[in-house]
Protein backbone atom coordinates (compact mmCIF):
# COMPACT_ATOMS: atom_id res chain seq x y z
CA MET A 1 -29.64 -11.86 -33.42
CA LEU A 2 -30.45 -9.10 -31.00
CA VAL A 3 -29.57 -9.34 -27.31
CA SER A 4 -31.97 -7.92 -24.83
CA PRO A 5 -30.77 -5.14 -22.50
CA SER A 6 -31.61 -7.23 -19.47
CA THR A 7 -29.30 -10.04 -20.60
CA THR A 8 -26.46 -7.59 -21.17
CA LEU A 9 -26.97 -6.06 -17.74
CA GLU A 10 -26.90 -9.46 -16.05
CA ALA A 11 -23.68 -10.38 -17.81
CA ALA A 12 -22.07 -7.11 -16.76
CA LEU A 13 -23.17 -7.57 -13.15
CA ALA A 14 -21.79 -11.11 -13.11
CA LEU A 15 -18.47 -9.88 -14.49
CA ILE A 16 -18.32 -7.13 -11.86
CA ALA A 17 -19.11 -9.60 -9.09
CA GLU A 18 -16.38 -11.95 -10.31
CA GLN A 19 -13.86 -9.08 -10.41
CA ALA A 20 -14.88 -8.01 -6.90
CA LYS A 21 -14.24 -11.54 -5.63
CA THR A 22 -10.85 -11.55 -7.34
CA ILE A 23 -9.95 -8.17 -5.82
CA GLU A 24 -11.04 -9.36 -2.38
CA ARG A 25 -8.99 -12.54 -2.74
CA LEU A 26 -5.91 -10.62 -3.87
CA THR A 27 -6.35 -8.10 -1.04
CA LYS A 28 -6.42 -10.89 1.53
CA ARG A 29 -3.37 -12.45 -0.10
CA LEU A 30 -1.54 -9.12 0.00
CA GLU A 31 -2.39 -8.64 3.66
CA ALA A 32 -1.14 -12.13 4.43
CA LEU A 33 2.13 -11.47 2.56
CA GLU A 34 2.61 -8.17 4.39
CA ALA A 35 2.07 -9.90 7.73
CA GLU A 36 4.52 -12.64 6.73
CA ASN A 37 7.04 -10.01 5.62
CA THR A 38 6.73 -8.19 8.96
CA ARG A 39 7.22 -11.45 10.84
CA LEU A 40 10.27 -12.40 8.78
CA ARG A 41 11.81 -8.95 9.29
CA ALA A 42 11.41 -9.28 13.04
CA GLU A 43 12.88 -12.79 12.95
CA ASN A 44 15.78 -11.58 10.80
CA THR A 45 16.49 -8.74 13.27
CA ARG A 46 16.41 -11.17 16.19
CA LEU A 47 18.77 -13.63 14.50
CA ARG A 48 21.18 -10.86 13.50
CA ALA A 49 21.26 -9.67 17.09
CA LEU A 50 22.12 -13.19 18.21
CA LEU A 51 24.84 -13.63 15.60
CA SER A 52 26.30 -10.12 16.00
CA PRO A 53 28.29 -9.94 19.25
CA ASP A 54 28.66 -6.84 21.33
CA PRO A 55 31.06 -4.42 19.55
CA SER A 56 33.29 -4.42 22.62
CA THR A 57 33.75 -8.22 22.44
CA PRO A 58 37.29 -9.03 21.24
CA SER A 59 37.71 -11.10 18.11
CA GLY A 60 39.36 -13.91 20.05
CA MET A 61 36.19 -14.41 22.12
CA THR A 62 33.94 -14.90 19.06
CA PRO A 63 33.69 -18.48 17.69
CA THR A 64 35.11 -18.93 14.22
CA TYR A 65 31.85 -20.26 12.79
CA GLN A 66 30.09 -16.99 13.74
CA LYS A 67 32.54 -14.75 11.93
CA ALA A 68 31.74 -13.45 8.47
CA ASN A 69 33.82 -14.66 5.56
CA LEU A 70 35.61 -11.52 4.37
CA SER A 71 37.72 -13.19 1.68
CA ARG A 72 37.44 -11.52 -1.68
CA GLY A 73 38.71 -12.33 -5.10
CA ARG A 74 41.56 -10.49 -6.75
CA HIS A 75 40.34 -7.18 -8.13
CA LYS A 76 43.16 -6.53 -10.58
CA LYS A 77 45.76 -8.39 -12.55
CA PRO A 78 49.00 -8.86 -10.59
CA GLY A 79 52.02 -6.81 -11.59
CA ARG A 80 52.47 -3.23 -12.71
CA PRO A 81 50.03 -1.66 -15.19
CA ARG A 82 50.69 -1.97 -18.90
CA GLY A 83 53.15 0.65 -20.13
CA HIS A 84 54.88 1.14 -16.75
CA GLN A 85 58.51 0.23 -16.18
CA GLY A 86 58.92 -3.28 -14.86
CA CYS A 87 60.41 -4.20 -11.51
CA ARG A 88 62.88 -7.01 -10.91
CA ARG A 89 65.40 -8.11 -8.32
CA PRO A 90 68.55 -5.94 -8.64
CA PRO A 91 71.94 -7.59 -9.35
CA PRO A 92 73.85 -8.48 -6.17
CA GLU A 93 76.49 -6.01 -5.01
CA GLN A 94 79.01 -8.72 -4.08
CA ILE A 95 79.87 -11.74 -6.23
CA ASP A 96 81.56 -14.62 -4.42
CA ASN A 97 82.01 -17.17 -7.23
CA HIS A 98 82.34 -17.13 -11.00
CA GLN A 99 81.42 -20.02 -13.30
CA GLU A 100 81.90 -20.34 -17.07
CA HIS A 101 79.32 -22.41 -18.96
CA THR A 102 80.58 -23.51 -22.40
CA LEU A 103 79.56 -26.12 -24.97
CA THR A 104 81.59 -28.21 -27.40
CA HIS A 105 78.65 -30.03 -29.05
CA CYS A 106 75.03 -29.08 -29.65
CA PRO A 107 72.86 -30.49 -26.81
CA ASP A 108 70.05 -31.26 -29.33
CA CYS A 109 71.75 -32.89 -32.33
CA GLY A 110 75.34 -33.44 -31.14
CA THR A 111 76.96 -31.30 -33.86
CA LYS A 112 80.41 -29.95 -32.96
CA LEU A 113 80.33 -26.24 -32.21
CA GLY A 114 82.85 -23.50 -32.94
CA GLU A 115 83.71 -20.34 -31.05
CA SER A 116 81.18 -18.62 -28.79
CA GLN A 117 79.16 -15.95 -30.59
CA ALA A 118 77.79 -14.09 -27.56
CA GLN A 119 77.45 -14.37 -23.83
CA ARG A 120 75.06 -13.24 -21.11
CA GLN A 121 75.18 -12.87 -17.35
CA ARG A 122 72.91 -14.69 -14.95
CA TYR A 123 73.04 -14.31 -11.17
CA THR A 124 71.93 -16.89 -8.62
CA GLU A 125 71.88 -16.39 -4.88
CA GLU A 126 72.02 -19.46 -2.68
CA ILE A 127 72.49 -20.34 0.96
CA PRO A 128 75.25 -22.90 1.54
CA PRO A 129 74.52 -26.20 3.27
CA THR A 130 75.12 -25.67 6.97
CA ARG A 131 76.00 -27.77 9.95
CA PRO A 132 76.56 -26.72 13.56
CA THR A 133 80.00 -25.53 14.57
CA VAL A 134 81.01 -27.22 17.81
CA THR A 135 83.69 -25.49 19.87
CA ALA A 136 85.45 -27.13 22.82
CA HIS A 137 86.36 -24.45 25.32
CA THR A 138 89.31 -25.33 27.55
CA ILE A 139 88.94 -22.99 30.49
CA HIS A 140 91.94 -22.53 32.75
CA ARG A 141 91.29 -21.81 36.39
CA TYR A 142 93.59 -19.72 38.57
CA TRP A 143 93.93 -18.90 42.24
CA CYS A 144 93.73 -15.21 43.14
CA PRO A 145 95.70 -14.56 46.36
CA HIS A 146 94.03 -11.17 46.77
CA CYS A 147 90.40 -12.31 46.38
CA ARG A 148 91.17 -15.67 48.01
CA LYS A 149 89.17 -17.60 45.40
CA SER A 150 89.54 -19.43 42.08
CA VAL A 151 88.96 -17.33 38.95
CA GLU A 152 88.62 -18.15 35.29
CA ARG A 153 87.97 -16.39 31.98
CA LYS A 154 84.31 -16.10 31.00
CA VAL A 155 83.06 -17.53 27.72
CA ALA A 156 81.26 -14.83 25.75
CA GLU A 157 79.93 -17.10 22.98
CA ALA A 158 77.09 -18.49 25.09
CA LEU A 159 75.04 -17.71 28.18
CA PRO A 160 76.39 -19.09 31.47
CA GLY A 161 75.43 -22.75 31.85
CA CYS A 162 73.98 -22.93 28.32
CA THR A 163 75.31 -25.23 25.58
CA LEU A 164 73.61 -23.29 22.77
CA GLY A 165 75.55 -20.38 21.29
CA LEU A 166 74.24 -16.83 21.40
CA ASN A 167 73.58 -16.60 17.68
CA LEU A 168 71.62 -19.87 17.69
CA LEU A 169 69.68 -18.91 20.81
CA LEU A 170 68.76 -15.43 19.59
CA THR A 171 67.84 -16.60 16.08
CA THR A 172 65.48 -19.29 17.35
CA ALA A 173 63.95 -16.91 19.90
CA TRP A 174 63.39 -14.35 17.12
CA LEU A 175 61.71 -17.00 14.95
CA HIS A 176 59.39 -18.02 17.78
CA TYR A 177 58.55 -14.77 19.55
CA ARG A 178 58.74 -12.33 16.63
CA LEU A 179 57.69 -14.38 13.59
CA GLY A 180 55.33 -16.70 15.44
CA VAL A 181 56.93 -20.01 14.42
CA SER A 182 55.92 -22.78 16.81
CA THR A 183 58.57 -24.44 18.97
CA GLY A 184 58.08 -27.75 17.18
CA HIS A 185 58.67 -26.15 13.80
CA VAL A 186 61.76 -24.35 15.11
CA VAL A 187 63.14 -27.70 16.27
CA ARG A 188 62.31 -29.24 12.89
CA TRP A 189 63.98 -26.33 11.06
CA LEU A 190 67.15 -26.78 13.13
CA ALA A 191 67.20 -30.52 12.40
CA THR A 192 66.52 -30.11 8.67
CA ILE A 193 68.46 -27.00 7.67
CA CYS A 194 71.13 -26.70 10.36
CA ARG A 195 71.55 -30.44 11.09
CA LEU A 196 71.29 -29.73 14.78
CA LYS A 197 69.18 -31.81 17.14
CA VAL A 198 67.72 -30.03 20.14
CA SER A 199 64.67 -30.78 22.25
CA LYS A 200 61.72 -28.45 22.64
CA GLY A 201 62.16 -28.45 26.42
CA GLY A 202 65.83 -27.50 26.19
CA LEU A 203 65.04 -24.71 23.77
CA THR A 204 62.27 -23.20 25.92
CA GLN A 205 64.47 -23.33 29.03
CA ALA A 206 67.23 -21.50 27.16
CA TRP A 207 64.71 -18.86 26.02
CA ALA A 208 63.56 -18.38 29.61
CA LYS A 209 67.15 -17.84 30.72
CA LEU A 210 67.60 -15.30 27.91
CA ALA A 211 64.46 -13.46 29.07
CA GLU A 212 65.85 -13.23 32.61
CA LEU A 213 68.95 -11.46 31.30
CA LEU A 214 66.81 -9.10 29.19
CA GLN A 215 64.52 -8.24 32.11
CA PRO A 216 66.28 -4.86 32.72
CA LEU A 217 65.69 -3.89 29.08
CA TYR A 218 62.03 -4.85 29.44
CA GLN A 219 61.65 -2.66 32.53
CA GLU A 220 63.41 0.24 30.82
CA ILE A 221 61.02 0.00 27.86
CA GLY A 222 58.10 0.04 30.30
CA GLN A 223 59.44 3.21 31.91
CA ALA A 224 59.85 4.78 28.47
CA ALA A 225 56.23 3.92 27.66
CA ARG A 226 55.11 5.56 30.92
CA ALA A 227 56.99 8.73 29.96
CA SER A 228 55.75 8.88 26.36
CA ALA A 229 54.05 11.97 24.98
CA VAL A 230 51.62 9.86 22.90
CA LEU A 231 50.84 6.22 23.64
CA HIS A 232 48.44 3.79 21.97
CA ALA A 233 46.93 0.95 24.01
CA ASP A 234 44.88 -2.12 23.15
CA GLU A 235 44.42 -5.72 24.24
CA THR A 236 43.51 -9.08 22.73
CA GLY A 237 42.70 -12.51 24.05
CA TRP A 238 45.54 -14.86 24.94
CA ARG A 239 45.67 -18.45 26.12
CA LEU A 240 47.59 -19.75 29.11
CA SER A 241 47.20 -23.48 29.82
CA GLY A 242 43.92 -23.39 27.93
CA CYS A 243 42.47 -20.51 30.00
CA THR A 244 41.64 -17.04 28.69
CA TRP A 245 44.20 -14.39 29.59
CA TRP A 246 44.85 -11.04 27.94
CA LEU A 247 47.77 -9.72 25.94
CA TRP A 248 48.11 -5.94 26.38
CA CYS A 249 50.16 -3.72 24.10
CA PHE A 250 51.27 -0.13 24.78
CA CYS A 251 53.14 1.36 21.86
CA ASN A 252 54.13 4.35 19.78
CA LYS A 253 56.51 4.78 16.86
CA GLU A 254 59.58 4.10 19.04
CA LEU A 255 58.57 1.23 21.34
CA ALA A 256 56.14 -1.62 21.87
CA TYR A 257 55.57 -2.82 25.43
CA TYR A 258 53.66 -6.10 25.91
CA VAL A 259 52.08 -7.42 29.11
CA ILE A 260 50.25 -10.75 29.58
CA GLU A 261 47.79 -10.71 32.48
CA ARG A 262 44.72 -12.61 33.63
CA CYS A 263 42.82 -9.33 34.10
CA ARG A 264 41.25 -7.17 31.41
CA GLY A 265 40.40 -4.32 33.76
CA SER A 266 41.87 -0.99 34.75
CA PRO A 267 44.37 -2.42 37.32
CA VAL A 268 46.59 -3.56 34.43
CA VAL A 269 46.58 -0.09 32.85
CA GLN A 270 47.27 1.53 36.22
CA ALA A 271 50.16 -0.87 36.87
CA VAL A 272 51.75 0.03 33.52
CA LEU A 273 51.03 3.77 33.32
CA GLY A 274 50.50 4.71 36.96
CA GLU A 275 47.59 6.65 38.41
CA ILE A 276 48.33 9.68 36.21
CA PHE A 277 49.63 9.50 32.64
CA HIS A 278 51.24 12.76 31.55
CA GLY A 279 50.68 12.25 27.82
CA VAL A 280 47.92 11.54 25.30
CA LEU A 281 46.43 8.05 25.60
CA VAL A 282 44.86 6.71 22.37
CA THR A 283 42.47 3.80 22.96
CA ASP A 284 39.15 2.30 21.98
CA PHE A 285 36.01 2.67 24.11
CA LEU A 286 36.79 -0.14 26.57
CA GLY A 287 35.80 0.91 30.09
CA SER A 288 39.17 -0.18 31.53
CA TYR A 289 40.73 3.05 30.28
CA ASN A 290 38.13 5.28 31.97
CA ARG A 291 39.77 4.98 35.39
CA ILE A 292 43.10 6.33 34.13
CA CYS A 293 43.74 10.04 34.52
CA ALA A 294 45.70 11.37 31.53
CA TRP A 295 46.72 14.77 30.23
CA ALA A 296 44.44 14.03 27.27
CA LYS A 297 42.75 11.04 25.68
CA GLN A 298 41.74 10.16 22.14
CA ARG A 299 39.08 7.54 21.51
CA CYS A 300 39.26 5.67 18.23
CA VAL A 301 36.93 7.28 15.70
CA VAL A 302 37.19 4.26 13.39
CA HIS A 303 35.79 2.02 16.14
CA LEU A 304 32.80 4.34 16.40
CA LEU A 305 32.24 4.35 12.63
CA ARG A 306 32.55 0.56 12.60
CA GLU A 307 29.92 0.24 15.31
CA LEU A 308 27.58 2.56 13.44
CA LYS A 309 27.84 0.29 10.40
CA LYS A 310 27.27 -2.85 12.46
CA VAL A 311 24.18 -1.49 14.22
CA ALA A 312 22.76 -0.21 10.92
CA GLU A 313 22.70 -3.78 9.61
CA ARG A 314 20.10 -4.83 12.20
CA ASN A 315 18.35 -1.59 13.18
CA HIS A 316 16.10 -0.12 10.48
CA GLY A 317 14.13 2.30 12.63
CA ALA A 318 13.52 5.84 11.43
CA GLU A 319 15.04 7.44 14.53
CA TRP A 320 18.18 5.34 14.24
CA GLN A 321 18.52 6.13 10.55
CA THR A 322 18.50 9.86 11.32
CA PHE A 323 20.93 9.52 14.23
CA HIS A 324 23.24 7.28 12.20
CA LYS A 325 23.33 9.75 9.32
CA LEU A 326 24.07 12.76 11.54
CA LEU A 327 26.80 11.08 13.61
CA LYS A 328 28.50 9.54 10.60
CA ARG A 329 28.55 12.91 8.83
CA LEU A 330 29.91 14.57 11.98
CA LEU A 331 32.82 12.13 12.32
CA ARG A 332 33.70 12.29 8.64
CA ASP A 333 33.64 16.08 8.75
CA GLY A 334 36.18 15.91 11.58
CA LEU A 335 38.48 13.64 9.57
CA ARG A 336 38.26 15.94 6.54
CA LEU A 337 38.90 18.99 8.67
CA ARG A 338 42.12 17.50 10.04
CA ALA A 339 43.34 16.90 6.48
CA GLN A 340 42.61 20.57 5.58
CA ARG A 341 44.49 22.09 8.50
CA GLU A 342 47.43 23.25 6.36
CA GLN A 343 45.16 25.08 3.89
CA LEU A 344 43.02 26.81 6.52
CA GLY A 345 44.25 29.60 8.74
CA GLU A 346 44.49 29.08 12.48
CA ALA A 347 41.45 31.24 13.19
CA GLU A 348 39.26 29.50 10.61
CA TYR A 349 40.49 26.09 11.72
CA ALA A 350 39.70 26.85 15.38
CA ARG A 351 36.25 28.15 14.42
CA ARG A 352 35.43 24.94 12.54
CA CYS A 353 36.72 22.78 15.40
CA GLY A 354 34.42 24.59 17.82
CA ARG A 355 31.50 24.14 15.46
CA LEU A 356 32.14 20.38 15.29
CA VAL A 357 32.16 20.12 19.09
CA ARG A 358 28.90 22.06 19.35
CA ARG A 359 27.29 19.78 16.77
CA MET A 360 28.40 16.71 18.74
CA LEU A 361 27.08 18.08 22.03
CA ALA A 362 23.75 19.00 20.44
CA LEU A 363 23.40 15.52 18.95
CA ALA A 364 24.25 13.86 22.29
CA ALA A 365 21.88 16.07 24.31
CA ARG A 366 18.69 15.03 22.52
CA GLU A 367 16.16 12.59 23.98
CA TYR A 368 15.86 9.31 22.06
CA ALA A 369 13.35 6.47 22.20
CA ASP A 370 15.60 4.06 20.28
CA ALA A 371 17.89 2.01 22.56
CA ASP A 372 20.91 2.19 20.21
CA CYS A 373 20.54 5.97 19.89
CA ARG A 374 20.40 6.34 23.66
CA ARG A 375 23.46 4.13 24.15
CA LEU A 376 25.66 5.96 21.63
CA ALA A 377 24.41 9.38 22.75
CA ALA A 378 25.43 8.49 26.31
CA ARG A 379 28.84 7.44 24.98
CA LEU A 380 29.26 10.79 23.25
CA ARG A 381 28.38 12.63 26.45
CA ARG A 382 30.75 10.49 28.51
CA HIS A 383 33.67 10.95 26.09
CA ARG A 384 32.82 14.42 24.78
CA ALA A 385 36.38 15.64 25.48
CA GLU A 386 38.01 12.56 23.90
CA ILE A 387 36.54 12.37 20.39
CA PHE A 388 38.22 15.31 18.61
CA THR A 389 41.56 15.48 20.47
CA PHE A 390 43.34 14.66 17.21
CA LEU A 391 42.16 18.00 15.82
CA VAL A 392 44.06 20.12 18.36
CA VAL A 393 47.07 18.01 19.48
CA ASP A 394 49.90 17.37 17.02
CA GLY A 395 51.09 13.79 16.62
CA VAL A 396 47.74 12.28 17.66
CA THR A 397 45.78 10.18 15.16
CA ALA A 398 42.02 9.69 15.05
CA ASP A 399 42.35 5.90 15.02
CA ASN A 400 44.07 3.19 17.03
CA ASN A 401 45.49 1.34 14.03
CA LEU A 402 49.09 1.60 15.23
CA VAL A 403 48.62 -0.67 18.23
CA GLU A 404 46.34 -3.01 16.28
CA ARG A 405 49.13 -3.56 13.77
CA GLU A 406 51.55 -4.25 16.63
CA LEU A 407 49.14 -6.89 17.97
CA ARG A 408 48.63 -8.53 14.61
CA PHE A 409 51.80 -10.66 14.63
CA ALA A 410 50.98 -11.76 18.19
CA VAL A 411 47.52 -12.88 17.04
CA GLN A 412 49.15 -14.86 14.23
CA ALA A 413 51.50 -16.46 16.75
CA ARG A 414 48.52 -17.34 18.94
CA LYS A 415 46.96 -19.18 16.01
CA ASN A 416 50.20 -21.11 15.44
CA TYR A 417 50.99 -22.30 18.96
CA PHE A 418 47.91 -21.35 21.03
CA GLY A 419 49.61 -19.15 23.64
CA ASN A 420 51.66 -20.35 26.62
CA ARG A 421 51.50 -23.21 29.10
CA SER A 422 52.88 -21.52 32.23
CA THR A 423 53.22 -18.10 33.82
CA ARG A 424 56.97 -18.28 33.28
CA GLY A 425 56.36 -18.89 29.59
CA ALA A 426 53.99 -15.89 29.49
CA GLU A 427 56.63 -13.67 31.11
CA THR A 428 59.23 -14.89 28.60
CA GLN A 429 56.77 -14.20 25.78
CA ALA A 430 56.12 -10.63 26.91
CA ILE A 431 59.80 -9.80 27.51
CA LEU A 432 61.18 -11.14 24.24
CA MET A 433 58.36 -9.75 22.09
CA THR A 434 58.89 -6.33 23.70
CA VAL A 435 62.66 -6.29 23.24
CA PHE A 436 62.65 -7.64 19.67
CA ARG A 437 59.90 -5.33 18.42
CA THR A 438 61.26 -2.22 20.13
CA LEU A 439 64.69 -2.73 18.59
CA GLU A 440 63.10 -3.11 15.16
CA LEU A 441 61.07 0.08 15.63
CA ARG A 442 64.30 1.92 16.46
CA GLY A 443 66.00 0.71 13.28
CA HIS A 444 68.20 -2.08 14.71
CA GLU A 445 68.50 -5.70 13.67
CA PRO A 446 67.63 -7.39 16.99
CA VAL A 447 69.66 -10.60 16.66
CA SER A 448 73.00 -8.94 15.88
CA TYR A 449 72.42 -6.07 18.32
CA LEU A 450 71.58 -8.37 21.24
CA ARG A 451 74.44 -10.73 20.39
CA ASP A 452 77.00 -7.94 20.62
CA ALA A 453 75.38 -6.47 23.74
CA LEU A 454 75.21 -9.83 25.53
CA GLN A 455 78.83 -10.68 24.71
CA THR A 456 79.93 -7.38 26.20
CA ALA A 457 77.74 -7.88 29.27
CA ILE A 458 79.08 -11.40 29.86
CA LEU A 459 82.72 -10.31 29.80
CA GLN A 460 82.10 -7.10 31.77
CA PRO A 461 79.00 -7.43 33.98
CA GLN A 462 76.83 -4.40 33.35
CA VAL A 463 73.27 -3.40 32.58
CA LEU A 464 72.44 -4.00 28.93
CA PRO A 465 72.09 -0.71 27.02
CA LEU A 466 68.84 0.04 25.22
CA ALA A 467 69.37 1.32 21.71
CA ALA A 468 68.14 4.83 21.04
């Protein structure tokens, strides 16, 4: 059967019209999806801005439910790789007791056994059950005809007017102020392990009295921090009677000086370092450090890289992408250049340092429409002499990790017992943390060192010496 040309043409036109309708419908659907995608992107950017706090906001001021979960699974099997020599606890150097373990009958079937065929050594290390040692001190009093007063021998085993011995007092203070164990858990540990009952109030009062005696050491450490050639500084939130205070730390490889203050501004830094600091001050970009005049300053490059990453998560503009790429490359080039200093000659190294500075100044001098680009460019201009100090001054690092590590144990303590309840407790906290940590940084065991020093100071009144 033959089909007429007109019928074929009508069928083709109908098919074309149907396809045109389909294309029009799909085009409208695509436009609607693109509009919905644009709206969702804008909403996502707005929500990320709400959830992402200002980079200068301390971690303690951000609610826990707004923090990202950074926990990750184990990436590798624990232990040393296959084929490597194993690692185990070495045998003890001193053996206090010897025990012989023999058998006369088989423990499984009861058969009588003969002579031993072989033997092996096994070492166990144990702490003995303890109980407090109570000493009754009979103190004889005498009349001095020259001084016209009664005199007596001083007891060096404890602080004046304190019933707790020096070793007990220093050990519990070290547990609380250095390891972050709460006062209640210290009391429970004493009752369980040492069979000694003591109240939390009595323990805190004894710690406060210890801090008063160590006040000269605390002041000496503060003076040493003020005279340091390189000093790192940072702060974190602290709690005092439920209110927000600030725990400041000023440290280097030989000392750690802690201050607890209500203020987070420059007056605290000026009180610790003075109007002029004659060394290199390594800090983050907090404005409190801008008012301090120093010989040189180093701003934390890692903080800047971290902020670049955080802003890049919410800002997808073309101008920001270009700025982010250039600044990130600039900072990483500076870090690589510092690692290559030994291989490069002094002239070549100085030439590359100058080139980095010129690149930074050129990047900061441009005009930007993006708000984040303008903000970070202004920061580069404001701190143009404080970004690459680590390239030209020996002993200066590009980051502020040292002081952040010194604050970490204090943050853990804050999570355990939520700060202090009085200004006296805050002063005790700052003094004992400073003394304990500084002695550890100088290679001394703080409990034994302070015990010997306090015993000497009790018998012969003198200023406690600070270990070198």
